[in-house]
Amino acid sequence: MVKRSIKQWRELFKQHDESGLTAAQFCRNNGLCPRYFSKRKKDLAWPATVKVKSKLVKLIPPKPNTALPTLTLQLGNVKLNVNGELSPQWLAQVMKAVAQ
């Protein structure tokens, strides 16, 4: 096991945040133990000192009593409005693509 300084751990956390990868993917790519990586992140109170970009997708439900329901997906400044009926499979594919 490699001994790292707090500064080195914080640099790794920063690289992970900027990579857009899941913790598991980042750890696999960098030869890190995912459980220990998460433990160190918690122990060092990350992201309390650093602003982390969120990858959450906001779902805005359709307004009631509209002729064509509209579903809005929002990720940051990007919005996707979908009118009419849509299949759950299509929506799942879109959500999976956005999450990557």
C-alpha atoms as a PDB file:
ATOM      1  CA  MET A   1       0.000   0.000   0.000  1.00  0.00           C
ATOM      2  CA  VAL A   2       1.287   3.455  -0.945  1.00  0.00           C
ATOM      3  CA  LYS A   3       1.468   6.038   1.840  1.00  0.00           C
ATOM      4  CA  ARG A   4       0.065   9.383   0.678  1.00  0.00           C
ATOM      5  CA  SER A   5       0.081  12.807   2.289  1.00  0.00           C
ATOM      6  CA  ILE A   6      -3.138  14.748   2.865  1.00  0.00           C
ATOM      7  CA  LYS A   7      -2.145  16.980  -0.047  1.00  0.00           C
ATOM      8  CA  GLN A   8      -1.760  13.944  -2.324  1.00  0.00           C
ATOM      9  CA  TRP A   9      -5.176  12.574  -1.252  1.00  0.00           C
ATOM     10  CA  ARG A  10      -6.832  15.929  -1.923  1.00  0.00           C
ATOM     11  CA  GLU A  11      -5.222  16.013  -5.361  1.00  0.00           C
ATOM     12  CA  LEU A  12      -6.628  12.530  -6.051  1.00  0.00           C
ATOM     13  CA  PHE A  13     -10.099  13.654  -4.895  1.00  0.00           C
ATOM     14  CA  LYS A  14      -9.862  16.674  -7.179  1.00  0.00           C
ATOM     15  CA  GLN A  15      -8.818  14.485 -10.127  1.00  0.00           C
ATOM     16  CA  HIS A  16     -11.739  12.155  -9.401  1.00  0.00           C
ATOM     17  CA  ASP A  17     -14.230  15.056  -9.298  1.00  0.00           C
ATOM     18  CA  GLU A  18     -12.938  16.406 -12.601  1.00  0.00           C
ATOM     19  CA  SER A  19     -12.816  12.992 -14.279  1.00  0.00           C
ATOM     20  CA  GLY A  20     -16.566  12.423 -14.378  1.00  0.00           C
ATOM     21  CA  LEU A  21     -15.948   8.768 -13.481  1.00  0.00           C
ATOM     22  CA  THR A  22     -17.601   6.867 -10.693  1.00  0.00           C
ATOM     23  CA  ALA A  23     -15.408   6.260  -7.647  1.00  0.00           C
ATOM     24  CA  ALA A  24     -15.136   2.584  -8.589  1.00  0.00           C
ATOM     25  CA  GLN A  25     -13.999   3.393 -12.144  1.00  0.00           C
ATOM     26  CA  PHE A  26     -11.528   6.029 -10.944  1.00  0.00           C
ATOM     27  CA  CYS A  27     -10.078   3.675  -8.334  1.00  0.00           C
ATOM     28  CA  ARG A  28      -9.765   0.831 -10.849  1.00  0.00           C
ATOM     29  CA  ASN A  29      -7.976   3.144 -13.317  1.00  0.00           C
ATOM     30  CA  ASN A  30      -5.600   4.411 -10.620  1.00  0.00           C
ATOM     31  CA  GLY A  31      -4.935   1.199  -8.684  1.00  0.00           C
ATOM     32  CA  LEU A  32      -6.776   2.367  -5.563  1.00  0.00           C
ATOM     33  CA  CYS A  33      -8.963   0.427  -3.154  1.00  0.00           C
ATOM     34  CA  PRO A  34     -12.475   1.911  -3.549  1.00  0.00           C
ATOM     35  CA  ARG A  35     -13.393   1.351   0.115  1.00  0.00           C
ATOM     36  CA  TYR A  36     -10.221   3.017   1.367  1.00  0.00           C
ATOM     37  CA  PHE A  37     -10.621   5.852  -1.137  1.00  0.00           C
ATOM     38  CA  SER A  38     -14.127   6.542   0.209  1.00  0.00           C
ATOM     39  CA  LYS A  39     -12.907   6.289   3.802  1.00  0.00           C
ATOM     40  CA  ARG A  40     -10.114   8.805   3.207  1.00  0.00           C
ATOM     41  CA  LYS A  41     -12.549  11.109   1.420  1.00  0.00           C
ATOM     42  CA  LYS A  42     -14.817  11.039   4.468  1.00  0.00           C
ATOM     43  CA  ASP A  43     -11.946  11.308   6.980  1.00  0.00           C
ATOM     44  CA  LEU A  44     -10.522  14.357   5.211  1.00  0.00           C
ATOM     45  CA  ALA A  45     -13.977  15.998   4.985  1.00  0.00           C
ATOM     46  CA  TRP A  46     -13.973  16.208   1.205  1.00  0.00           C
ATOM     47  CA  PRO A  47     -15.848  18.163  -0.372  1.00  0.00           C
ATOM     48  CA  ALA A  48     -16.258  20.470   2.640  1.00  0.00           C
ATOM     49  CA  THR A  49     -13.312  22.507   1.390  1.00  0.00           C
ATOM     50  CA  VAL A  50     -13.873  22.096  -2.355  1.00  0.00           C
ATOM     51  CA  LYS A  51     -16.870  22.800  -4.559  1.00  0.00           C
ATOM     52  CA  VAL A  52     -17.915  19.637  -6.409  1.00  0.00           C
ATOM     53  CA  LYS A  53     -19.755  19.751  -9.708  1.00  0.00           C
ATOM     54  CA  SER A  54     -23.023  17.843  -9.503  1.00  0.00           C
ATOM     55  CA  LYS A  55     -24.033  15.377 -12.206  1.00  0.00           C
ATOM     56  CA  LEU A  56     -27.592  15.119 -10.993  1.00  0.00           C
ATOM     57  CA  VAL A  57     -30.321  15.185 -13.581  1.00  0.00           C
ATOM     58  CA  LYS A  58     -33.373  17.142 -12.539  1.00  0.00           C
ATOM     59  CA  LEU A  59     -36.693  15.724 -13.695  1.00  0.00           C
ATOM     60  CA  ILE A  60     -39.522  18.220 -13.956  1.00  0.00           C
ATOM     61  CA  PRO A  61     -42.842  16.361 -14.001  1.00  0.00           C
ATOM     62  CA  PRO A  62     -45.560  17.206 -16.528  1.00  0.00           C
ATOM     63  CA  LYS A  63     -48.061  19.869 -15.582  1.00  0.00           C
ATOM     64  CA  PRO A  64     -51.487  18.422 -14.849  1.00  0.00           C
ATOM     65  CA  ASN A  65     -54.404  19.017 -17.219  1.00  0.00           C
ATOM     66  CA  THR A  66     -52.319  19.591 -20.338  1.00  0.00           C
ATOM     67  CA  ALA A  67     -53.289  18.166 -23.719  1.00  0.00           C
ATOM     68  CA  LEU A  68     -49.780  16.822 -24.391  1.00  0.00           C
ATOM     69  CA  PRO A  69     -47.755  16.065 -21.288  1.00  0.00           C
ATOM     70  CA  THR A  70     -44.249  17.488 -21.297  1.00  0.00           C
ATOM     71  CA  LEU A  71     -41.335  15.992 -19.431  1.00  0.00           C
ATOM     72  CA  THR A  72     -38.253  18.137 -18.916  1.00  0.00           C
ATOM     73  CA  LEU A  73     -34.805  16.689 -18.184  1.00  0.00           C
ATOM     74  CA  GLN A  74     -32.275  19.222 -16.936  1.00  0.00           C
ATOM     75  CA  LEU A  75     -28.529  18.749 -16.474  1.00  0.00           C
ATOM     76  CA  GLY A  76     -26.785  21.984 -15.587  1.00  0.00           C
ATOM     77  CA  ASN A  77     -27.775  24.571 -18.196  1.00  0.00           C
ATOM     78  CA  VAL A  78     -29.033  21.976 -20.683  1.00  0.00           C
ATOM     79  CA  LYS A  79     -32.753  21.188 -20.839  1.00  0.00           C
ATOM     80  CA  LEU A  80     -34.456  18.501 -22.907  1.00  0.00           C
ATOM     81  CA  ASN A  81     -38.228  18.892 -23.313  1.00  0.00           C
ATOM     82  CA  VAL A  82     -40.119  15.813 -24.459  1.00  0.00           C
ATOM     83  CA  ASN A  83     -43.732  16.166 -25.564  1.00  0.00           C
ATOM     84  CA  GLY A  84     -46.302  13.422 -25.830  1.00  0.00           C
ATOM     85  CA  GLU A  85     -46.044   9.832 -24.754  1.00  0.00           C
ATOM     86  CA  LEU A  86     -42.662   8.240 -24.392  1.00  0.00           C
ATOM     87  CA  SER A  87     -41.610   4.715 -23.662  1.00  0.00           C
ATOM     88  CA  PRO A  88     -39.927   3.887 -20.366  1.00  0.00           C
ATOM     89  CA  GLN A  89     -37.182   2.096 -22.342  1.00  0.00           C
ATOM     90  CA  TRP A  90     -36.358   5.269 -24.296  1.00  0.00           C
ATOM     91  CA  LEU A  91     -36.289   7.342 -21.119  1.00  0.00           C
ATOM     92  CA  ALA A  92     -34.014   4.762 -19.440  1.00  0.00           C
ATOM     93  CA  GLN A  93     -31.603   4.914 -22.410  1.00  0.00           C
ATOM     94  CA  VAL A  94     -31.501   8.722 -22.242  1.00  0.00           C
ATOM     95  CA  MET A  95     -30.909   8.688 -18.478  1.00  0.00           C
ATOM     96  CA  LYS A  96     -28.140   6.091 -18.841  1.00  0.00           C
ATOM     97  CA  ALA A  97     -26.440   8.106 -21.595  1.00  0.00           C
ATOM     98  CA  VAL A  98     -26.589  11.320 -19.552  1.00  0.00           C
ATOM     99  CA  ALA A  99     -25.165   9.606 -16.471  1.00  0.00           C
ATOM    100  CA  GLN A 100     -21.976   8.549 -18.308  1.00  0.00           C
END
